[in-house]
Protein backbone atom coordinates (compact mmCIF):
# COMPACT_ATOMS: atom_id res chain seq x y z
CA UNK A 1 52.04 182.71 121.58
CA UNK A 2 54.68 184.80 123.40
CA UNK A 3 57.33 186.51 121.21
CA UNK A 4 60.80 184.97 121.20
CA UNK A 5 63.53 187.37 122.26
CA UNK A 6 66.79 187.47 120.38
CA UNK A 7 68.56 186.07 123.39
CA UNK A 8 66.26 183.05 123.35
CA UNK A 9 66.77 182.74 119.58
CA UNK A 10 70.59 182.83 120.11
CA UNK A 11 70.27 180.11 122.75
CA UNK A 12 68.07 177.97 120.68
CA UNK A 13 70.52 178.26 117.71
CA UNK A 14 73.45 177.35 119.89
CA UNK A 15 71.49 174.38 121.34
CA UNK A 16 70.83 173.14 117.82
CA UNK A 17 74.45 173.32 117.05
CA UNK A 18 74.23 176.39 114.71
CA UNK A 19 77.16 178.71 115.08
CA UNK A 20 76.25 182.33 115.90
CA UNK A 21 78.97 184.81 115.61
CA UNK A 22 79.41 186.97 118.76
CA UNK A 23 77.90 190.45 118.80
CA UNK A 24 80.69 192.83 117.72
CA UNK A 25 81.39 195.07 120.77
CA UNK A 26 85.06 195.67 120.68
CA UNK A 27 87.84 196.66 118.30
CA UNK A 28 89.84 193.99 116.44
CA UNK A 29 93.35 193.73 118.00
CA UNK A 30 96.22 193.07 115.68
CA UNK A 31 99.31 191.11 116.57
CA UNK A 32 101.16 194.40 116.98
CA UNK A 33 98.64 195.45 119.59
CA UNK A 34 97.00 198.04 117.32
CA UNK A 35 93.21 198.40 117.66
CA UNK A 36 91.06 198.65 114.53
CA UNK A 37 87.42 199.62 114.78
CA UNK A 38 85.05 198.60 111.99
CA UNK A 39 83.87 201.34 109.65
CA UNK A 40 80.27 200.80 110.75
CA UNK A 41 78.98 202.26 113.95
CA UNK A 42 78.23 199.99 116.95
CA UNK A 43 74.53 200.48 116.33
CA UNK A 44 74.87 199.35 112.74
CA UNK A 45 76.87 196.29 113.82
CA UNK A 46 74.20 195.43 116.41
CA UNK A 47 71.50 195.74 113.84
CA UNK A 48 73.30 193.50 111.44
CA UNK A 49 73.91 190.94 114.06
CA UNK A 50 70.23 190.88 115.10
CA UNK A 51 69.17 190.47 111.49
CA UNK A 52 71.67 187.50 111.13
CA UNK A 53 70.24 185.97 114.31
CA UNK A 54 66.69 186.39 113.03
CA UNK A 55 67.69 184.88 109.64
CA UNK A 56 69.35 181.76 111.14
CA UNK A 57 66.52 181.26 113.59
CA UNK A 58 63.90 181.45 110.78
CA UNK A 59 65.87 178.87 108.83
CA UNK A 60 66.09 176.65 111.84
CA UNK A 61 62.31 176.95 112.50
CA UNK A 62 61.48 176.16 108.82
CA UNK A 63 63.77 173.15 108.88
CA UNK A 64 62.32 171.84 112.10
CA UNK A 65 58.76 172.38 110.86
CA UNK A 66 59.21 169.89 108.06
CA UNK A 67 57.09 166.82 108.37
CA UNK A 68 58.77 164.27 110.60
CA UNK A 69 60.12 161.09 109.03
CA UNK A 70 58.19 157.91 109.29
CA UNK A 71 60.38 156.62 112.16
CA UNK A 72 59.97 159.79 114.18
CA UNK A 73 56.19 159.74 113.61
CA UNK A 74 56.10 156.18 114.86
CA UNK A 75 57.90 157.46 117.98
CA UNK A 76 55.22 160.17 118.47
CA UNK A 77 52.41 157.71 118.00
CA UNK A 78 53.94 155.28 120.54
CA UNK A 79 54.26 158.22 123.03
CA UNK A 80 50.60 158.99 122.61
CA UNK A 81 49.48 155.42 122.77
CA UNK A 82 51.86 153.71 125.27
CA UNK A 83 53.75 156.58 126.94
CA UNK A 84 57.17 158.05 126.82
CA UNK A 85 58.86 155.14 128.54
CA UNK A 86 57.71 152.59 125.91
CA UNK A 87 58.75 154.95 123.13
CA UNK A 88 62.29 155.35 124.58
CA UNK A 89 62.44 151.58 125.04
CA UNK A 90 61.84 151.13 121.25
CA UNK A 91 64.43 153.80 120.53
CA UNK A 92 66.95 152.13 122.81
CA UNK A 93 66.48 148.91 120.87
CA UNK A 94 67.70 150.59 117.67
CA UNK A 95 71.18 151.30 119.04
CA UNK A 96 73.97 149.39 120.81
CA UNK A 97 74.07 151.63 123.81
CA UNK A 98 72.83 150.17 127.14
CA UNK A 99 71.07 153.35 128.19
CA UNK A 100 68.74 155.82 126.55
CA UNK A 101 67.53 158.66 128.73
CA UNK A 102 65.81 162.07 129.04
CA UNK A 103 67.20 164.54 131.53
CA UNK A 104 65.72 167.96 132.56
CA UNK A 105 67.52 170.98 133.88
CA UNK A 106 66.81 171.74 137.47
CA UNK A 107 68.85 174.61 138.65
CA UNK A 108 72.41 173.25 138.82
CA UNK A 109 71.33 169.58 138.54
CA UNK A 110 70.23 167.38 135.69
CA UNK A 111 67.32 165.32 136.85
CA UNK A 112 66.33 162.06 135.11
CA UNK A 113 62.84 161.91 133.80
CA UNK A 114 63.02 158.55 132.03
CA UNK A 115 65.91 156.11 131.73
CA UNK A 116 65.83 152.88 129.71
CA UNK A 117 68.34 150.19 130.55
CA UNK A 118 68.78 147.23 128.22
CA UNK A 119 69.95 145.24 131.30
CA UNK A 120 66.55 145.88 132.92
CA UNK A 121 68.13 147.02 136.24
CA UNK A 122 66.83 149.66 138.58
CA UNK A 123 68.09 153.22 138.00
CA UNK A 124 71.25 153.72 140.04
CA UNK A 125 71.14 156.63 142.42
CA UNK A 126 74.05 158.39 140.80
CA UNK A 127 72.12 158.49 137.50
CA UNK A 128 68.84 159.67 139.00
CA UNK A 129 70.18 163.16 139.36
CA UNK A 130 73.59 164.46 138.40
CA UNK A 131 75.14 167.76 139.50
CA UNK A 132 75.70 169.85 136.34
CA UNK A 133 79.51 170.03 136.96
CA UNK A 134 79.74 166.22 137.05
CA UNK A 135 77.60 165.53 133.92
CA UNK A 136 78.41 165.43 130.27
CA UNK A 137 75.03 167.22 129.82
CA UNK A 138 76.78 170.57 130.42
CA UNK A 139 78.55 170.28 127.16
CA UNK A 140 75.26 169.53 125.25
CA UNK A 141 73.78 172.70 126.73
CA UNK A 142 76.78 174.72 125.91
CA UNK A 143 77.58 173.46 122.40
CA UNK A 144 74.22 172.10 121.19
CA UNK A 145 75.50 168.58 120.86
CA UNK A 146 78.09 166.20 122.43
CA UNK A 147 79.26 163.00 120.88
CA UNK A 148 81.92 160.73 122.35
CA UNK A 149 82.38 157.10 121.39
CA UNK A 150 84.92 156.60 124.18
CA UNK A 151 85.36 159.19 126.83
CA UNK A 152 88.48 157.47 128.16
CA UNK A 153 90.45 158.65 125.11
CA UNK A 154 88.48 161.86 124.51
CA UNK A 155 90.97 164.74 125.10
CA UNK A 156 87.93 167.13 125.56
CA UNK A 157 87.14 165.28 128.80
CA UNK A 158 90.56 165.13 130.25
CA UNK A 159 90.30 165.40 134.03
CA UNK A 160 86.52 165.17 134.05
CA UNK A 161 85.31 163.15 137.04
CA UNK A 162 82.88 161.07 134.88
CA UNK A 163 85.45 160.39 132.15
CA UNK A 164 85.91 156.67 132.96
CA UNK A 165 82.52 156.19 134.44
CA UNK A 166 80.20 156.99 131.39
CA UNK A 167 82.33 155.82 128.42
CA UNK A 168 80.08 156.25 125.33
CA UNK A 169 77.92 159.27 125.36
CA UNK A 170 75.85 160.77 122.41
CA UNK A 171 73.35 163.46 123.31
CA UNK A 172 71.30 166.40 121.82
CA UNK A 173 69.31 169.19 123.52
CA UNK A 174 65.49 169.16 123.99
CA UNK A 175 64.09 172.63 123.29
CA UNK A 176 60.88 173.83 124.90
CA UNK A 177 58.10 175.85 123.20
CA UNK A 178 59.76 179.17 124.13
CA UNK A 179 62.97 178.24 122.48
CA UNK A 180 64.82 177.60 125.73
CA UNK A 181 66.76 174.33 126.56
CA UNK A 182 64.56 171.97 128.57
CA UNK A 183 67.11 169.19 128.95
CA UNK A 184 68.84 166.48 126.94
CA UNK A 185 68.11 163.24 125.06
CA UNK A 186 70.97 160.73 125.11
CA UNK A 187 72.30 157.32 124.41
CA UNK A 188 75.14 156.30 126.72
CA UNK A 189 77.05 153.21 127.88
CA UNK A 190 79.60 152.14 130.37
CA UNK A 191 81.88 150.84 127.54
CA UNK A 192 82.82 152.33 124.19
CA UNK A 193 80.04 152.38 121.55
CA UNK A 194 79.75 154.14 118.20
CA UNK A 195 76.67 156.00 116.84
CA UNK A 196 76.29 156.12 113.12
CA UNK A 197 75.35 159.27 111.17
CA UNK A 198 71.91 157.80 110.52
CA UNK A 199 71.40 157.00 114.21
CA UNK A 200 72.51 160.51 115.18
CA UNK A 201 70.19 162.10 112.66
CA UNK A 202 67.32 160.00 114.07
CA UNK A 203 68.24 161.10 117.64
CA UNK A 204 67.99 164.75 116.53
CA UNK A 205 64.66 164.07 114.95
CA UNK A 206 63.34 162.64 118.07
CA UNK A 207 64.58 165.48 120.19
CA UNK A 208 62.58 167.87 118.02
CA UNK A 209 59.31 166.17 118.94
CA UNK A 210 59.88 164.79 122.39
CA UNK A 211 59.43 168.04 124.44
CA UNK A 212 55.64 167.81 125.13
CA UNK A 213 55.88 164.21 126.15
CA UNK A 214 58.86 164.89 128.36
CA UNK A 215 57.22 167.87 129.93
CA UNK A 216 54.02 165.89 130.77
CA UNK A 217 55.97 162.93 132.01
CA UNK A 218 57.96 165.20 134.36
CA UNK A 219 54.73 166.77 135.61
CA UNK A 220 53.32 163.38 136.45
CA UNK A 221 56.40 162.45 138.37
CA UNK A 222 56.18 165.68 140.39
CA UNK A 223 52.52 165.30 141.09
CA UNK A 224 51.89 164.35 144.78
CA UNK A 225 50.52 160.88 145.42
CA UNK A 226 47.12 161.13 147.12
CA UNK A 227 47.06 159.63 150.59
CA UNK A 228 44.92 156.66 151.15
CA UNK A 229 42.21 157.21 153.71
CA UNK A 230 42.01 154.79 156.50
CA UNK A 231 38.82 152.64 156.53
CA UNK A 232 36.47 152.89 159.45
């Protein structure tokens, strides 16, 4: 298994919503404008920071390696038996939101891998792939989680082009085997919807186990369809 760099560890921690203090690289500036350098050398500060990242990463890995809950294990079993789409359909039935989806990062675009719609309609073109700047996924990737019961009143989204389009949005990141962010797992709706603490915890649990199924599902979608040979 390849070694995980500290940059990858830091990204994985941020994606998991764990705050990592920035690497000290400049003096502290007082209100008077006076600069104060720490007593320790930059090398010592860098070493302490690296140890802190390692410690937090190890704690996160240990927490994620705990046996999954019964509900999460049932999700895994459904993925293995019936496929990711069926498992997400079951997950979607447990919340009020109309949509449950997996999106993957593709450059500056978030591409949908699977989308479940309670209404049973075809996937709208504008949800099949979304430019990063127009998506709420960008905040999941940046902050490690994004929860909004009603985007129309959410000051964090003031001026965002999708603010009144996607109204309820609750999402967590999907992390790959190397510790990098693969994409996002989300519940969302076109009207305001809450997500309870229990439902959010369950969403996080699913995100920890969904990567191999999302990866394989994506590979199947990308695989070329063999051409049918014309009969003689």
